[in-house]
Amino acid sequence: MSYPPDPNNPYGQPPAAPGYGYPQQAPSAAYGYPQQAPVYGYAPAMPPSMPGLVTTARVLLFVVGGVQVILAIIYLIAAAAAKDASNTLSRTTTSDNPFSAIGDAAAGIAVVFAILFALAAALSITLGAKFGKGGNSVRITTIVYGSIASLLGLLILIGGINVGSAALLVIGLLWLSICIIWISAMCVRDGVNWFNRPKY
């Protein structure tokens, strides 16, 4: 004859779990231990911070873009002044004055330089603004831009050596240093990983 199990018998069969057939809730954690919420996917990750060398390159792009805007304005003012001087010479002299033609040529050259500096400023500022969410194309464009700009810096440096101008030497060395920072920031592992990271 079978008897009901004694609940106080330590060797007896354990009683059946209540609510057989229904999902059980997980037992609560012991007192003093933190409880974790169930994870149903990936936890939201903090956005990675921009590497230091990439941040430096970005700041230099903005600074160079601002300087290029100022140079474009200066060249436009110089072009306007040269054109005004050329017009004044044309009105005061009856015959064709060679200085008037020189003034027109100088005004045209100054306008070309102003346009070049304005385009370079637009490129510098746009690249700097794209560093936050830009991809590999921004990195490659910055490398190409830095390479072309370094050739210009090299020409300025050679010109400073040939002429013996300390100002051209300083400008050339400074410009080459900035271009090297741009290129190296895009080529080091942190820079490559920054621009190849997944964008959300």
N, C-alpha and C. Protein backbone atom coordinates (compact mmCIF):
# COMPACT_ATOMS: atom_id res chain seq x y z
N MET A 1 0.85 -1.16 0.00
CA MET A 1 0.00 0.00 0.00
C MET A 1 0.89 1.22 0.00
N SER A 2 0.51 2.20 -0.80
CA SER A 2 1.36 3.37 -0.91
C SER A 2 0.83 4.48 -0.02
N TYR A 3 1.75 5.10 0.65
CA TYR A 3 1.39 6.21 1.54
C TYR A 3 1.84 7.51 0.91
N PRO A 4 1.16 8.58 1.26
CA PRO A 4 1.61 9.86 0.74
C PRO A 4 3.01 10.16 1.29
N PRO A 5 3.86 10.82 0.47
CA PRO A 5 5.21 11.09 0.94
C PRO A 5 5.21 12.03 2.12
N ASP A 6 6.14 11.75 3.01
CA ASP A 6 6.27 12.59 4.20
C ASP A 6 7.01 13.86 3.81
N PRO A 7 6.44 15.04 4.03
CA PRO A 7 7.13 16.27 3.64
C PRO A 7 8.36 16.54 4.47
N ASN A 8 8.48 15.91 5.64
CA ASN A 8 9.63 16.15 6.49
C ASN A 8 10.75 15.14 6.28
N ASN A 9 10.61 14.20 5.40
CA ASN A 9 11.63 13.19 5.14
C ASN A 9 12.69 13.77 4.22
N PRO A 10 13.96 13.92 4.68
CA PRO A 10 14.99 14.50 3.81
C PRO A 10 15.41 13.59 2.68
N TYR A 11 15.11 12.30 2.77
CA TYR A 11 15.51 11.36 1.73
C TYR A 11 14.37 11.00 0.80
N GLY A 12 13.25 11.53 1.04
CA GLY A 12 12.10 11.18 0.22
C GLY A 12 12.12 11.92 -1.12
N GLN A 13 11.13 11.58 -1.93
CA GLN A 13 11.02 12.22 -3.24
C GLN A 13 10.58 13.66 -3.07
N PRO A 14 11.23 14.61 -3.81
CA PRO A 14 10.81 16.01 -3.65
C PRO A 14 9.40 16.20 -4.19
N PRO A 15 8.69 17.12 -3.60
CA PRO A 15 7.33 17.36 -4.09
C PRO A 15 7.36 17.92 -5.50
N ALA A 16 6.30 17.68 -6.23
CA ALA A 16 6.20 18.19 -7.61
C ALA A 16 6.12 19.70 -7.60
N ALA A 17 6.68 20.28 -8.67
CA ALA A 17 6.67 21.74 -8.76
C ALA A 17 5.25 22.22 -8.99
N PRO A 18 4.87 23.29 -8.36
CA PRO A 18 3.50 23.79 -8.57
C PRO A 18 3.33 24.33 -9.98
N GLY A 19 2.11 24.23 -10.44
CA GLY A 19 1.79 24.78 -11.76
C GLY A 19 2.43 24.01 -12.87
N TYR A 20 2.36 22.69 -12.79
CA TYR A 20 2.99 21.84 -13.80
C TYR A 20 2.38 22.14 -15.17
N GLY A 21 3.24 22.33 -16.18
CA GLY A 21 2.76 22.60 -17.53
C GLY A 21 2.80 24.07 -17.90
N TYR A 22 3.00 24.93 -16.93
CA TYR A 22 3.07 26.36 -17.18
C TYR A 22 4.50 26.84 -17.03
N PRO A 23 4.91 27.86 -17.79
CA PRO A 23 6.29 28.35 -17.66
C PRO A 23 6.53 28.93 -16.28
N GLN A 24 7.67 28.60 -15.74
CA GLN A 24 8.04 29.06 -14.41
C GLN A 24 8.80 30.38 -14.51
N GLN A 25 8.65 31.18 -13.50
CA GLN A 25 9.42 32.41 -13.42
C GLN A 25 10.78 32.10 -12.80
N ALA A 26 11.78 32.83 -13.25
CA ALA A 26 13.11 32.63 -12.69
C ALA A 26 13.12 33.08 -11.26
N PRO A 27 13.79 32.35 -10.40
CA PRO A 27 13.85 32.77 -9.00
C PRO A 27 14.56 34.10 -8.88
N SER A 28 14.12 34.87 -7.93
CA SER A 28 14.72 36.18 -7.75
C SER A 28 16.14 36.02 -7.22
N ALA A 29 16.95 36.98 -7.54
CA ALA A 29 18.35 36.92 -7.11
C ALA A 29 18.43 37.10 -5.62
N ALA A 30 19.49 36.59 -5.06
CA ALA A 30 19.68 36.70 -3.62
C ALA A 30 19.82 38.16 -3.22
N TYR A 31 19.51 38.36 -1.98
CA TYR A 31 19.56 39.73 -1.48
C TYR A 31 20.98 40.26 -1.55
N GLY A 32 21.13 41.48 -2.06
CA GLY A 32 22.44 42.10 -2.12
C GLY A 32 23.13 41.95 -3.47
N TYR A 33 22.60 41.12 -4.36
CA TYR A 33 23.18 40.95 -5.68
C TYR A 33 22.34 41.71 -6.70
N PRO A 34 22.97 42.43 -7.62
CA PRO A 34 22.17 43.19 -8.60
C PRO A 34 21.50 42.26 -9.60
N GLN A 35 20.30 42.62 -9.97
CA GLN A 35 19.57 41.85 -10.97
C GLN A 35 19.77 42.49 -12.33
N GLN A 36 19.90 41.66 -13.35
CA GLN A 36 20.08 42.15 -14.71
C GLN A 36 18.81 41.92 -15.50
N ALA A 37 18.48 42.89 -16.29
CA ALA A 37 17.32 42.74 -17.16
C ALA A 37 17.65 41.77 -18.28
N PRO A 38 16.66 41.03 -18.76
CA PRO A 38 16.95 40.11 -19.86
C PRO A 38 17.38 40.87 -21.10
N VAL A 39 18.33 40.31 -21.82
CA VAL A 39 18.85 40.94 -23.03
C VAL A 39 18.20 40.28 -24.24
N TYR A 40 17.53 41.04 -25.05
CA TYR A 40 16.82 40.52 -26.21
C TYR A 40 17.55 40.81 -27.51
N GLY A 41 18.70 41.34 -27.47
CA GLY A 41 19.47 41.67 -28.67
C GLY A 41 20.79 42.22 -28.22
N TYR A 42 21.31 43.12 -29.02
CA TYR A 42 22.57 43.74 -28.67
C TYR A 42 22.30 44.97 -27.82
N ALA A 43 23.10 45.12 -26.81
CA ALA A 43 22.95 46.32 -25.98
C ALA A 43 23.37 47.54 -26.78
N PRO A 44 22.71 48.67 -26.55
CA PRO A 44 23.11 49.87 -27.30
C PRO A 44 24.53 50.27 -26.95
N ALA A 45 25.35 50.35 -27.96
CA ALA A 45 26.76 50.68 -27.75
C ALA A 45 26.96 52.18 -27.81
N MET A 46 27.90 52.64 -27.03
CA MET A 46 28.25 54.06 -27.07
C MET A 46 28.97 54.34 -28.38
N PRO A 47 28.68 55.48 -29.00
CA PRO A 47 29.40 55.78 -30.25
C PRO A 47 30.88 55.95 -29.97
N PRO A 48 31.74 55.40 -30.82
CA PRO A 48 33.18 55.52 -30.58
C PRO A 48 33.64 56.97 -30.75
N SER A 49 34.63 57.32 -30.00
CA SER A 49 35.15 58.69 -30.11
C SER A 49 36.19 58.75 -31.22
N MET A 50 36.27 59.91 -31.86
CA MET A 50 37.20 60.11 -32.96
C MET A 50 38.64 60.06 -32.44
N PRO A 51 39.52 59.31 -33.11
CA PRO A 51 40.92 59.25 -32.65
C PRO A 51 41.58 60.63 -32.65
N GLY A 52 42.58 60.77 -31.81
CA GLY A 52 43.22 62.07 -31.62
C GLY A 52 43.85 62.64 -32.87
N LEU A 53 44.56 61.81 -33.64
CA LEU A 53 45.21 62.31 -34.84
C LEU A 53 44.18 62.71 -35.90
N VAL A 54 43.08 61.96 -35.97
CA VAL A 54 42.01 62.31 -36.90
C VAL A 54 41.35 63.62 -36.49
N THR A 55 41.17 63.82 -35.19
CA THR A 55 40.61 65.09 -34.70
C THR A 55 41.54 66.25 -35.04
N THR A 56 42.85 66.04 -34.88
CA THR A 56 43.82 67.08 -35.23
C THR A 56 43.73 67.43 -36.71
N ALA A 57 43.65 66.39 -37.56
CA ALA A 57 43.52 66.64 -39.00
C ALA A 57 42.24 67.40 -39.32
N ARG A 58 41.17 67.08 -38.62
CA ARG A 58 39.89 67.77 -38.85
C ARG A 58 40.00 69.25 -38.46
N VAL A 59 40.60 69.52 -37.30
CA VAL A 59 40.76 70.91 -36.86
C VAL A 59 41.63 71.68 -37.85
N LEU A 60 42.70 71.04 -38.33
CA LEU A 60 43.58 71.71 -39.29
C LEU A 60 42.85 71.99 -40.61
N LEU A 61 41.95 71.09 -41.01
CA LEU A 61 41.17 71.35 -42.22
C LEU A 61 40.30 72.59 -42.05
N PHE A 62 39.67 72.73 -40.89
CA PHE A 62 38.84 73.91 -40.64
C PHE A 62 39.69 75.19 -40.59
N VAL A 63 40.85 75.10 -39.93
CA VAL A 63 41.72 76.28 -39.82
C VAL A 63 42.22 76.70 -41.20
N VAL A 64 42.69 75.71 -41.99
CA VAL A 64 43.19 76.01 -43.34
C VAL A 64 42.05 76.55 -44.21
N GLY A 65 40.85 75.99 -44.06
CA GLY A 65 39.71 76.50 -44.82
C GLY A 65 39.41 77.95 -44.48
N GLY A 66 39.50 78.31 -43.19
CA GLY A 66 39.28 79.71 -42.81
C GLY A 66 40.34 80.64 -43.38
N VAL A 67 41.61 80.19 -43.34
CA VAL A 67 42.70 81.01 -43.91
C VAL A 67 42.51 81.16 -45.42
N GLN A 68 42.07 80.10 -46.08
CA GLN A 68 41.84 80.18 -47.52
C GLN A 68 40.69 81.13 -47.87
N VAL A 69 39.68 81.18 -47.04
CA VAL A 69 38.59 82.15 -47.26
C VAL A 69 39.14 83.57 -47.14
N ILE A 70 39.97 83.81 -46.12
CA ILE A 70 40.55 85.15 -45.95
C ILE A 70 41.43 85.51 -47.14
N LEU A 71 42.24 84.55 -47.63
CA LEU A 71 43.09 84.83 -48.79
C LEU A 71 42.26 85.09 -50.04
N ALA A 72 41.16 84.38 -50.20
CA ALA A 72 40.29 84.62 -51.35
C ALA A 72 39.72 86.04 -51.31
N ILE A 73 39.34 86.48 -50.12
CA ILE A 73 38.81 87.86 -49.98
C ILE A 73 39.91 88.87 -50.28
N ILE A 74 41.13 88.62 -49.78
CA ILE A 74 42.24 89.55 -50.04
C ILE A 74 42.53 89.65 -51.53
N TYR A 75 42.53 88.50 -52.22
CA TYR A 75 42.79 88.53 -53.67
C TYR A 75 41.66 89.23 -54.43
N LEU A 76 40.44 89.09 -53.97
CA LEU A 76 39.34 89.82 -54.62
C LEU A 76 39.49 91.33 -54.44
N ILE A 77 39.89 91.73 -53.24
CA ILE A 77 40.11 93.16 -52.99
C ILE A 77 41.27 93.67 -53.85
N ALA A 78 42.34 92.85 -53.96
CA ALA A 78 43.48 93.25 -54.80
C ALA A 78 43.07 93.34 -56.26
N ALA A 79 42.22 92.43 -56.71
CA ALA A 79 41.75 92.47 -58.10
C ALA A 79 40.93 93.72 -58.36
N ALA A 80 40.08 94.05 -57.40
CA ALA A 80 39.26 95.27 -57.56
C ALA A 80 40.15 96.51 -57.57
N ALA A 81 41.17 96.54 -56.71
CA ALA A 81 42.06 97.69 -56.68
C ALA A 81 42.86 97.80 -57.97
N ALA A 82 43.34 96.66 -58.49
CA ALA A 82 44.10 96.70 -59.74
C ALA A 82 43.22 97.14 -60.91
N LYS A 83 42.00 96.68 -60.93
CA LYS A 83 41.08 97.08 -62.00
C LYS A 83 40.74 98.56 -61.90
N ASP A 84 40.56 99.03 -60.67
CA ASP A 84 40.26 100.45 -60.49
C ASP A 84 41.44 101.31 -60.94
N ALA A 85 42.68 100.89 -60.59
CA ALA A 85 43.86 101.64 -61.02
C ALA A 85 44.00 101.62 -62.54
N SER A 86 43.70 100.48 -63.14
CA SER A 86 43.76 100.38 -64.60
C SER A 86 42.74 101.30 -65.26
N ASN A 87 41.55 101.36 -64.71
CA ASN A 87 40.51 102.25 -65.27
C ASN A 87 40.89 103.72 -65.10
N THR A 88 41.52 104.05 -63.97
CA THR A 88 41.95 105.43 -63.74
C THR A 88 43.03 105.83 -64.74
N LEU A 89 43.98 104.93 -65.01
CA LEU A 89 45.02 105.21 -66.00
C LEU A 89 44.42 105.35 -67.40
N SER A 90 43.44 104.56 -67.72
CA SER A 90 42.82 104.64 -69.05
C SER A 90 42.10 105.96 -69.26
N ARG A 91 41.49 106.50 -68.20
CA ARG A 91 40.76 107.75 -68.33
C ARG A 91 41.68 108.96 -68.39
N THR A 92 42.83 108.86 -67.72
CA THR A 92 43.70 110.04 -67.65
C THR A 92 44.63 110.17 -68.84
N THR A 93 44.89 109.07 -69.55
CA THR A 93 45.78 109.13 -70.70
C THR A 93 44.97 108.95 -71.97
N THR A 94 45.40 109.66 -73.00
CA THR A 94 44.67 109.58 -74.28
C THR A 94 45.11 108.38 -75.10
N SER A 95 46.38 108.02 -75.06
CA SER A 95 46.87 106.89 -75.84
C SER A 95 46.84 105.63 -74.98
N ASP A 96 47.08 104.50 -75.62
CA ASP A 96 47.10 103.23 -74.89
C ASP A 96 48.29 103.21 -73.94
N ASN A 97 48.01 103.10 -72.68
CA ASN A 97 49.05 103.08 -71.65
C ASN A 97 49.38 101.62 -71.33
N PRO A 98 50.67 101.22 -71.38
CA PRO A 98 51.02 99.83 -71.06
C PRO A 98 50.71 99.47 -69.61
N PHE A 99 50.74 100.46 -68.72
CA PHE A 99 50.45 100.17 -67.31
C PHE A 99 48.98 99.80 -67.12
N SER A 100 48.12 100.34 -67.99
CA SER A 100 46.71 99.97 -67.93
C SER A 100 46.51 98.50 -68.26
N ALA A 101 47.24 98.01 -69.27
CA ALA A 101 47.15 96.58 -69.61
C ALA A 101 47.72 95.71 -68.50
N ILE A 102 48.78 96.20 -67.86
CA ILE A 102 49.36 95.44 -66.74
C ILE A 102 48.37 95.36 -65.59
N GLY A 103 47.66 96.45 -65.33
CA GLY A 103 46.65 96.46 -64.26
C GLY A 103 45.52 95.50 -64.55
N ASP A 104 45.09 95.45 -65.84
CA ASP A 104 44.03 94.50 -66.21
C ASP A 104 44.51 93.05 -66.02
N ALA A 105 45.76 92.78 -66.43
CA ALA A 105 46.30 91.42 -66.28
C ALA A 105 46.43 91.05 -64.80
N ALA A 106 46.88 92.00 -63.99
CA ALA A 106 47.02 91.73 -62.56
C ALA A 106 45.66 91.47 -61.92
N ALA A 107 44.64 92.21 -62.36
CA ALA A 107 43.30 92.00 -61.83
C ALA A 107 42.79 90.61 -62.21
N GLY A 108 43.05 90.19 -63.45
CA GLY A 108 42.62 88.86 -63.88
C GLY A 108 43.31 87.76 -63.11
N ILE A 109 44.63 87.91 -62.89
CA ILE A 109 45.38 86.90 -62.14
C ILE A 109 44.88 86.82 -60.69
N ALA A 110 44.60 88.00 -60.11
CA ALA A 110 44.11 88.02 -58.73
C ALA A 110 42.74 87.34 -58.62
N VAL A 111 41.88 87.53 -59.62
CA VAL A 111 40.57 86.87 -59.60
C VAL A 111 40.74 85.35 -59.70
N VAL A 112 41.67 84.90 -60.54
CA VAL A 112 41.92 83.45 -60.66
C VAL A 112 42.39 82.88 -59.33
N PHE A 113 43.31 83.57 -58.66
CA PHE A 113 43.78 83.10 -57.35
C PHE A 113 42.66 83.12 -56.32
N ALA A 114 41.80 84.14 -56.38
CA ALA A 114 40.68 84.20 -55.45
C ALA A 114 39.74 83.02 -55.64
N ILE A 115 39.47 82.65 -56.89
CA ILE A 115 38.60 81.51 -57.16
C ILE A 115 39.24 80.22 -56.69
N LEU A 116 40.56 80.07 -56.94
CA LEU A 116 41.25 78.85 -56.49
C LEU A 116 41.22 78.72 -54.97
N PHE A 117 41.48 79.82 -54.26
CA PHE A 117 41.44 79.76 -52.80
C PHE A 117 40.03 79.51 -52.29
N ALA A 118 39.02 80.07 -52.96
CA ALA A 118 37.64 79.83 -52.53
C ALA A 118 37.25 78.36 -52.72
N LEU A 119 37.66 77.77 -53.84
CA LEU A 119 37.37 76.35 -54.07
C LEU A 119 38.11 75.47 -53.07
N ALA A 120 39.37 75.80 -52.80
CA ALA A 120 40.14 75.03 -51.82
C ALA A 120 39.53 75.16 -50.42
N ALA A 121 39.04 76.36 -50.09
CA ALA A 121 38.39 76.55 -48.79
C ALA A 121 37.12 75.71 -48.69
N ALA A 122 36.34 75.68 -49.77
CA ALA A 122 35.12 74.88 -49.76
C ALA A 122 35.44 73.40 -49.58
N LEU A 123 36.50 72.92 -50.24
CA LEU A 123 36.90 71.53 -50.10
C LEU A 123 37.40 71.23 -48.69
N SER A 124 38.22 72.11 -48.14
CA SER A 124 38.76 71.89 -46.79
C SER A 124 37.65 71.83 -45.76
N ILE A 125 36.73 72.79 -45.81
CA ILE A 125 35.65 72.84 -44.82
C ILE A 125 34.69 71.67 -45.00
N THR A 126 34.40 71.29 -46.24
CA THR A 126 33.51 70.16 -46.48
C THR A 126 34.12 68.86 -45.98
N LEU A 127 35.40 68.65 -46.24
CA LEU A 127 36.06 67.44 -45.75
C LEU A 127 36.06 67.40 -44.23
N GLY A 128 36.37 68.54 -43.60
CA GLY A 128 36.35 68.58 -42.14
C GLY A 128 34.98 68.29 -41.57
N ALA A 129 33.93 68.79 -42.22
CA ALA A 129 32.57 68.55 -41.75
C ALA A 129 32.15 67.10 -41.94
N LYS A 130 32.71 66.42 -42.92
CA LYS A 130 32.33 65.03 -43.22
C LYS A 130 33.07 64.02 -42.35
N PHE A 131 34.04 64.45 -41.55
CA PHE A 131 34.81 63.51 -40.74
C PHE A 131 33.93 62.77 -39.74
N GLY A 132 32.85 63.38 -39.29
CA GLY A 132 32.00 62.76 -38.28
C GLY A 132 31.28 61.53 -38.78
N LYS A 133 30.67 61.62 -39.96
CA LYS A 133 29.86 60.51 -40.46
C LYS A 133 30.31 60.04 -41.83
N GLY A 134 31.41 60.57 -42.34
CA GLY A 134 31.87 60.19 -43.67
C GLY A 134 32.49 58.81 -43.69
N GLY A 135 32.55 58.24 -44.87
CA GLY A 135 33.10 56.91 -45.03
C GLY A 135 34.49 56.93 -45.64
N ASN A 136 34.81 55.86 -46.32
CA ASN A 136 36.14 55.69 -46.89
C ASN A 136 36.43 56.70 -47.99
N SER A 137 35.39 57.18 -48.69
CA SER A 137 35.62 58.16 -49.75
C SER A 137 36.16 59.48 -49.19
N VAL A 138 35.71 59.87 -47.99
CA VAL A 138 36.24 61.09 -47.35
C VAL A 138 37.71 60.90 -47.01
N ARG A 139 38.06 59.71 -46.54
CA ARG A 139 39.46 59.43 -46.19
C ARG A 139 40.36 59.49 -47.43
N ILE A 140 39.91 58.88 -48.53
CA ILE A 140 40.72 58.88 -49.76
C ILE A 140 40.82 60.28 -50.34
N THR A 141 39.72 61.04 -50.31
CA THR A 141 39.76 62.41 -50.82
C THR A 141 40.72 63.27 -50.01
N THR A 142 40.76 63.05 -48.71
CA THR A 142 41.69 63.81 -47.86
C THR A 142 43.13 63.44 -48.18
N ILE A 143 43.39 62.16 -48.46
CA ILE A 143 44.75 61.75 -48.84
C ILE A 143 45.17 62.42 -50.15
N VAL A 144 44.27 62.41 -51.14
CA VAL A 144 44.59 63.03 -52.43
C VAL A 144 44.80 64.53 -52.27
N TYR A 145 43.92 65.16 -51.50
CA TYR A 145 44.03 66.60 -51.27
C TYR A 145 45.34 66.94 -50.55
N GLY A 146 45.69 66.15 -49.54
CA GLY A 146 46.94 66.39 -48.83
C GLY A 146 48.17 66.16 -49.70
N SER A 147 48.08 65.17 -50.60
CA SER A 147 49.22 64.90 -51.49
C SER A 147 49.44 66.04 -52.49
N ILE A 148 48.34 66.52 -53.09
CA ILE A 148 48.47 67.63 -54.04
C ILE A 148 48.94 68.89 -53.32
N ALA A 149 48.38 69.13 -52.13
CA ALA A 149 48.76 70.32 -51.37
C ALA A 149 50.21 70.24 -50.92
N SER A 150 50.72 69.03 -50.64
CA SER A 150 52.13 68.91 -50.23
C SER A 150 53.08 69.25 -51.37
N LEU A 151 52.66 68.98 -52.61
CA LEU A 151 53.49 69.41 -53.75
C LEU A 151 53.59 70.93 -53.80
N LEU A 152 52.48 71.61 -53.53
CA LEU A 152 52.51 73.07 -53.47
C LEU A 152 53.44 73.55 -52.36
N GLY A 153 53.36 72.90 -51.19
CA GLY A 153 54.26 73.27 -50.10
C GLY A 153 55.71 73.03 -50.44
N LEU A 154 55.98 71.95 -51.18
CA LEU A 154 57.35 71.68 -51.60
C LEU A 154 57.86 72.75 -52.56
N LEU A 155 56.98 73.20 -53.48
CA LEU A 155 57.37 74.29 -54.39
C LEU A 155 57.65 75.58 -53.64
N ILE A 156 56.82 75.88 -52.64
CA ILE A 156 57.05 77.09 -51.83
C ILE A 156 58.37 76.97 -51.09
N LEU A 157 58.66 75.78 -50.57
CA LEU A 157 59.91 75.57 -49.84
C LEU A 157 61.12 75.73 -50.76
N ILE A 158 61.05 75.16 -51.96
CA ILE A 158 62.15 75.29 -52.91
C ILE A 158 62.32 76.75 -53.33
N GLY A 159 61.20 77.44 -53.55
CA GLY A 159 61.27 78.86 -53.89
C GLY A 159 61.90 79.68 -52.78
N GLY A 160 61.56 79.35 -51.53
CA GLY A 160 62.16 80.05 -50.41
C GLY A 160 63.65 79.82 -50.30
N ILE A 161 64.09 78.60 -50.64
CA ILE A 161 65.53 78.30 -50.60
C ILE A 161 66.25 79.05 -51.72
N ASN A 162 65.66 79.05 -52.92
CA ASN A 162 66.30 79.74 -54.05
C ASN A 162 66.36 81.24 -53.86
N VAL A 163 65.28 81.81 -53.37
CA VAL A 163 65.23 83.27 -53.19
C VAL A 163 65.97 83.69 -51.93
N GLY A 164 66.04 82.78 -50.96
CA GLY A 164 66.65 83.14 -49.68
C GLY A 164 65.68 83.85 -48.77
N SER A 165 64.38 83.56 -48.92
CA SER A 165 63.36 84.22 -48.11
C SER A 165 63.02 83.34 -46.91
N ALA A 166 63.19 83.88 -45.73
CA ALA A 166 62.87 83.13 -44.51
C ALA A 166 61.36 82.94 -44.37
N ALA A 167 60.59 83.94 -44.82
CA ALA A 167 59.13 83.83 -44.72
C ALA A 167 58.61 82.68 -45.58
N LEU A 168 59.13 82.56 -46.82
CA LEU A 168 58.71 81.45 -47.68
C LEU A 168 59.14 80.10 -47.11
N LEU A 169 60.31 80.05 -46.49
CA LEU A 169 60.76 78.81 -45.86
C LEU A 169 59.81 78.39 -44.73
N VAL A 170 59.43 79.35 -43.90
CA VAL A 170 58.53 79.03 -42.78
C VAL A 170 57.16 78.58 -43.30
N ILE A 171 56.64 79.32 -44.30
CA ILE A 171 55.33 78.96 -44.87
C ILE A 171 55.38 77.59 -45.52
N GLY A 172 56.44 77.32 -46.26
CA GLY A 172 56.57 76.01 -46.91
C GLY A 172 56.67 74.88 -45.90
N LEU A 173 57.48 75.04 -44.85
CA LEU A 173 57.61 74.00 -43.84
C LEU A 173 56.31 73.79 -43.08
N LEU A 174 55.64 74.89 -42.76
CA LEU A 174 54.36 74.78 -42.04
C LEU A 174 53.32 74.06 -42.89
N TRP A 175 53.25 74.43 -44.17
CA TRP A 175 52.27 73.81 -45.07
C TRP A 175 52.58 72.32 -45.27
N LEU A 176 53.87 71.97 -45.41
CA LEU A 176 54.24 70.56 -45.55
C LEU A 176 53.89 69.78 -44.29
N SER A 177 54.09 70.38 -43.13
CA SER A 177 53.75 69.70 -41.87
C SER A 177 52.26 69.42 -41.78
N ILE A 178 51.44 70.40 -42.17
CA ILE A 178 49.99 70.21 -42.14
C ILE A 178 49.57 69.10 -43.09
N CYS A 179 50.15 69.09 -44.29
CA CYS A 179 49.81 68.05 -45.27
C CYS A 179 50.22 66.67 -44.79
N ILE A 180 51.38 66.58 -44.13
CA ILE A 180 51.83 65.29 -43.60
C ILE A 180 50.89 64.80 -42.51
N ILE A 181 50.39 65.71 -41.68
CA ILE A 181 49.43 65.32 -40.63
C ILE A 181 48.14 64.81 -41.27
N TRP A 182 47.65 65.51 -42.32
CA TRP A 182 46.44 65.04 -43.01
C TRP A 182 46.63 63.63 -43.55
N ILE A 183 47.73 63.41 -44.26
CA ILE A 183 47.94 62.12 -44.92
C ILE A 183 48.15 61.01 -43.89
N SER A 184 48.98 61.27 -42.88
CA SER A 184 49.26 60.23 -41.90
C SER A 184 48.03 59.90 -41.05
N ALA A 185 47.18 60.91 -40.76
CA ALA A 185 45.96 60.64 -39.99
C ALA A 185 45.01 59.74 -40.75
N MET A 186 45.03 59.82 -42.07
CA MET A 186 44.15 58.98 -42.89
C MET A 186 44.73 57.59 -43.14
N CYS A 187 46.05 57.42 -42.94
CA CYS A 187 46.70 56.16 -43.28
C CYS A 187 46.97 55.27 -42.07
N VAL A 188 47.00 55.83 -40.86
CA VAL A 188 47.25 54.99 -39.68
C VAL A 188 46.03 54.12 -39.42
N ARG A 189 46.23 53.09 -38.60
CA ARG A 189 45.17 52.11 -38.37
C ARG A 189 43.93 52.74 -37.75
N ASP A 190 44.13 53.66 -36.77
CA ASP A 190 42.98 54.30 -36.13
C ASP A 190 42.15 55.10 -37.14
N GLY A 191 42.85 55.79 -38.05
CA GLY A 191 42.12 56.55 -39.06
C GLY A 191 41.35 55.66 -40.02
N VAL A 192 41.99 54.57 -40.45
CA VAL A 192 41.30 53.63 -41.36
C VAL A 192 40.09 53.01 -40.66
N ASN A 193 40.26 52.61 -39.41
CA ASN A 193 39.14 52.02 -38.67
C ASN A 193 38.02 53.02 -38.42
N TRP A 194 38.39 54.29 -38.20
CA TRP A 194 37.37 55.30 -37.96
C TRP A 194 36.47 55.49 -39.19
N PHE A 195 37.05 55.55 -40.36
CA PHE A 195 36.25 55.79 -41.56
C PHE A 195 35.59 54.52 -42.08
N ASN A 196 36.05 53.34 -41.64
CA ASN A 196 35.41 52.10 -42.07
C ASN A 196 34.45 51.54 -41.03
N ARG A 197 34.21 52.27 -39.95
CA ARG A 197 33.32 51.77 -38.91
C ARG A 197 31.88 51.75 -39.43
N PRO A 198 31.03 50.89 -38.86
CA PRO A 198 29.63 50.88 -39.31
C PRO A 198 28.91 52.15 -38.90
N LYS A 199 28.13 52.69 -39.79
CA LYS A 199 27.36 53.92 -39.53
C LYS A 199 25.91 53.55 -39.26
N TYR A 200 25.33 54.15 -38.22
CA TYR A 200 23.93 53.88 -37.89
C TYR A 200 23.10 55.11 -38.11
